[in-house]
Amino acid sequence: MFNAKYHTLKFIALELNGDIGGVTTYTNRRHKIIAFPQAPPRVPPTPNQIIQRARLTAIAAAWRVLGAPQRALWRVAATRANLSISGYNLYTVCKMRYEWSYAQTIEHQTGIVLAHA
């Protein structure tokens, strides 16, 4: 059976894994893209999962509120600290911790004062 949605995925991607637009995909050992409709979760999220997802949403919103110069400082700090993550990821890690000591360590290592907003 020909399915245009799956055929398009095979055409546009060299390697594709995960959930995209209601379709779960992975690449098998023969480098063939396998795609099927995304399955709904079997169990509802736990209260802790709901809390953590809300925290991540709030952190993403706080990142968007930061000005471009402040976001650039986070990017430079991640690079200067030789971390293999983006400035956004560094900001998220620092905000997910309940104390600011991780960010203070990065500030000390890089000489960059990071926004605490």
C-alpha atoms as a PDB file:
ATOM      1  CA  MET A   1       0.000   0.000   0.000  1.00  0.00           C
ATOM      2  CA  PHE A   2       1.420   3.397  -1.010  1.00  0.00           C
ATOM      3  CA  ASN A   3       1.246   6.068   1.690  1.00  0.00           C
ATOM      4  CA  ALA A   4       2.369   9.519   0.536  1.00  0.00           C
ATOM      5  CA  LYS A   5       3.170  10.716   4.067  1.00  0.00           C
ATOM      6  CA  TYR A   6       5.619   7.875   4.706  1.00  0.00           C
ATOM      7  CA  HIS A   7       7.036   8.080   1.187  1.00  0.00           C
ATOM      8  CA  THR A   8       7.739  11.793   1.691  1.00  0.00           C
ATOM      9  CA  LEU A   9       9.567  11.024   4.936  1.00  0.00           C
ATOM     10  CA  LYS A  10      11.788   8.548   3.105  1.00  0.00           C
ATOM     11  CA  PHE A  11      12.460  11.089   0.374  1.00  0.00           C
ATOM     12  CA  ILE A  12      13.366  14.093   2.537  1.00  0.00           C
ATOM     13  CA  ALA A  13      15.418  12.409   5.284  1.00  0.00           C
ATOM     14  CA  LEU A  14      18.686  10.556   5.255  1.00  0.00           C
ATOM     15  CA  GLU A  15      18.269   9.513   8.879  1.00  0.00           C
ATOM     16  CA  LEU A  16      15.141  10.114  10.875  1.00  0.00           C
ATOM     17  CA  ASN A  17      14.286   8.943  14.379  1.00  0.00           C
ATOM     18  CA  GLY A  18      11.527   9.838  16.817  1.00  0.00           C
ATOM     19  CA  ASP A  19       8.064  11.305  16.719  1.00  0.00           C
ATOM     20  CA  ILE A  20       7.293  13.819  13.986  1.00  0.00           C
ATOM     21  CA  GLY A  21       3.818  15.089  13.188  1.00  0.00           C
ATOM     22  CA  GLY A  22       1.954  12.122  14.637  1.00  0.00           C
ATOM     23  CA  VAL A  23       4.321   9.602  13.037  1.00  0.00           C
ATOM     24  CA  THR A  24       6.960   7.547  14.878  1.00  0.00           C
ATOM     25  CA  THR A  25      10.021   6.786  12.781  1.00  0.00           C
ATOM     26  CA  TYR A  26      13.290   4.922  13.137  1.00  0.00           C
ATOM     27  CA  THR A  27      15.996   3.595  10.847  1.00  0.00           C
ATOM     28  CA  ASN A  28      16.481  -0.169  10.799  1.00  0.00           C
ATOM     29  CA  ARG A  29      19.785  -2.036  10.393  1.00  0.00           C
ATOM     30  CA  ARG A  30      19.426  -1.938   6.612  1.00  0.00           C
ATOM     31  CA  HIS A  31      19.152   1.890   6.759  1.00  0.00           C
ATOM     32  CA  LYS A  32      15.506   1.767   5.769  1.00  0.00           C
ATOM     33  CA  ILE A  33      13.222   4.331   7.399  1.00  0.00           C
ATOM     34  CA  ILE A  34      10.375   2.633   9.241  1.00  0.00           C
ATOM     35  CA  ALA A  35       7.350   4.853   9.996  1.00  0.00           C
ATOM     36  CA  PHE A  36       4.054   4.128  11.703  1.00  0.00           C
ATOM     37  CA  PRO A  37       1.304   6.149  13.411  1.00  0.00           C
ATOM     38  CA  GLN A  38       2.348   7.467  16.792  1.00  0.00           C
ATOM     39  CA  ALA A  39       0.868   5.509  19.683  1.00  0.00           C
ATOM     40  CA  PRO A  40      -0.828   7.379  22.522  1.00  0.00           C
ATOM     41  CA  PRO A  41       0.774   7.076  25.991  1.00  0.00           C
ATOM     42  CA  ARG A  42      -0.349   3.979  27.891  1.00  0.00           C
ATOM     43  CA  VAL A  43      -0.471   5.726  31.259  1.00  0.00           C
ATOM     44  CA  PRO A  44      -1.132   9.358  32.142  1.00  0.00           C
ATOM     45  CA  PRO A  45       1.824  11.458  33.301  1.00  0.00           C
ATOM     46  CA  THR A  46       2.682  11.325  36.997  1.00  0.00           C
ATOM     47  CA  PRO A  47       2.345  14.439  39.163  1.00  0.00           C
ATOM     48  CA  ASN A  48       6.156  14.786  39.184  1.00  0.00           C
ATOM     49  CA  GLN A  49       6.254  14.628  35.375  1.00  0.00           C
ATOM     50  CA  ILE A  50       3.614  17.351  35.196  1.00  0.00           C
ATOM     51  CA  ILE A  51       5.653  19.537  37.584  1.00  0.00           C
ATOM     52  CA  GLN A  52       8.896  19.025  35.629  1.00  0.00           C
ATOM     53  CA  ARG A  53       7.209  19.741  32.297  1.00  0.00           C
ATOM     54  CA  ALA A  54       5.756  22.945  33.749  1.00  0.00           C
ATOM     55  CA  ARG A  55       9.212  23.948  34.996  1.00  0.00           C
ATOM     56  CA  LEU A  56      10.724  23.357  31.547  1.00  0.00           C
ATOM     57  CA  THR A  57       7.950  25.406  29.962  1.00  0.00           C
ATOM     58  CA  ALA A  58       8.618  28.270  32.398  1.00  0.00           C
ATOM     59  CA  ILE A  59      12.375  28.094  31.751  1.00  0.00           C
ATOM     60  CA  ALA A  60      11.819  28.221  27.979  1.00  0.00           C
ATOM     61  CA  ALA A  61       9.572  31.269  28.453  1.00  0.00           C
ATOM     62  CA  ALA A  62      12.239  32.934  30.643  1.00  0.00           C
ATOM     63  CA  TRP A  63      14.861  32.287  27.926  1.00  0.00           C
ATOM     64  CA  ARG A  64      12.676  34.037  25.366  1.00  0.00           C
ATOM     65  CA  VAL A  65      12.345  37.042  27.716  1.00  0.00           C
ATOM     66  CA  LEU A  66      16.128  37.418  27.962  1.00  0.00           C
ATOM     67  CA  GLY A  67      17.530  40.003  25.598  1.00  0.00           C
ATOM     68  CA  ALA A  68      19.734  38.979  22.692  1.00  0.00           C
ATOM     69  CA  PRO A  69      22.930  40.205  24.456  1.00  0.00           C
ATOM     70  CA  GLN A  70      22.142  38.082  27.529  1.00  0.00           C
ATOM     71  CA  ARG A  71      21.426  34.999  25.410  1.00  0.00           C
ATOM     72  CA  ALA A  72      24.708  35.594  23.585  1.00  0.00           C
ATOM     73  CA  LEU A  73      26.550  35.597  26.925  1.00  0.00           C
ATOM     74  CA  TRP A  74      25.095  32.183  27.750  1.00  0.00           C
ATOM     75  CA  ARG A  75      26.267  30.892  24.358  1.00  0.00           C
ATOM     76  CA  VAL A  76      29.768  32.297  24.847  1.00  0.00           C
ATOM     77  CA  ALA A  77      29.933  30.882  28.383  1.00  0.00           C
ATOM     78  CA  ALA A  78      29.049  27.402  27.120  1.00  0.00           C
ATOM     79  CA  THR A  79      31.767  27.665  24.476  1.00  0.00           C
ATOM     80  CA  ARG A  80      34.429  29.064  26.827  1.00  0.00           C
ATOM     81  CA  ALA A  81      33.700  26.368  29.393  1.00  0.00           C
ATOM     82  CA  ASN A  82      34.295  23.751  26.659  1.00  0.00           C
ATOM     83  CA  LEU A  83      30.819  22.333  27.096  1.00  0.00           C
ATOM     84  CA  SER A  84      29.285  20.445  24.213  1.00  0.00           C
ATOM     85  CA  ILE A  85      25.926  22.144  24.741  1.00  0.00           C
ATOM     86  CA  SER A  86      24.267  25.321  23.511  1.00  0.00           C
ATOM     87  CA  GLY A  87      23.757  28.450  25.576  1.00  0.00           C
ATOM     88  CA  TYR A  88      20.078  27.569  25.830  1.00  0.00           C
ATOM     89  CA  ASN A  89      20.935  24.119  27.204  1.00  0.00           C
ATOM     90  CA  LEU A  90      23.354  25.641  29.729  1.00  0.00           C
ATOM     91  CA  TYR A  91      20.655  28.100  30.827  1.00  0.00           C
ATOM     92  CA  THR A  92      18.157  25.246  31.191  1.00  0.00           C
ATOM     93  CA  VAL A  93      20.548  23.109  33.239  1.00  0.00           C
ATOM     94  CA  CYS A  94      21.305  26.014  35.557  1.00  0.00           C
ATOM     95  CA  LYS A  95      17.630  26.872  35.991  1.00  0.00           C
ATOM     96  CA  MET A  96      16.555  23.257  36.582  1.00  0.00           C
ATOM     97  CA  ARG A  97      18.853  23.086  39.605  1.00  0.00           C
ATOM     98  CA  TYR A  98      17.426  24.535  42.769  1.00  0.00           C
ATOM     99  CA  GLU A  99      20.591  26.433  43.613  1.00  0.00           C
ATOM    100  CA  TRP A 100      22.656  28.815  41.502  1.00  0.00           C
ATOM    101  CA  SER A 101      26.049  27.254  42.334  1.00  0.00           C
ATOM    102  CA  TYR A 102      26.383  25.540  38.938  1.00  0.00           C
ATOM    103  CA  ALA A 103      26.001  28.878  37.137  1.00  0.00           C
ATOM    104  CA  GLN A 104      28.424  30.490  39.592  1.00  0.00           C
ATOM    105  CA  THR A 105      30.999  27.826  38.725  1.00  0.00           C
ATOM    106  CA  ILE A 106      30.553  28.576  35.014  1.00  0.00           C
ATOM    107  CA  GLU A 107      30.861  32.308  35.739  1.00  0.00           C
ATOM    108  CA  HIS A 108      34.095  31.684  37.659  1.00  0.00           C
ATOM    109  CA  GLN A 109      35.542  29.465  34.897  1.00  0.00           C
ATOM    110  CA  THR A 110      34.639  31.799  32.031  1.00  0.00           C
ATOM    111  CA  GLY A 111      34.764  35.262  33.588  1.00  0.00           C
ATOM    112  CA  ILE A 112      31.272  35.972  32.240  1.00  0.00           C
ATOM    113  CA  VAL A 113      28.482  37.235  34.499  1.00  0.00           C
ATOM    114  CA  LEU A 114      25.344  35.329  33.527  1.00  0.00           C
ATOM    115  CA  ALA A 115      21.776  36.623  33.803  1.00  0.00           C
ATOM    116  CA  HIS A 116      19.901  35.191  36.752  1.00  0.00           C
ATOM    117  CA  ALA A 117      16.467  36.070  35.351  1.00  0.00           C
END
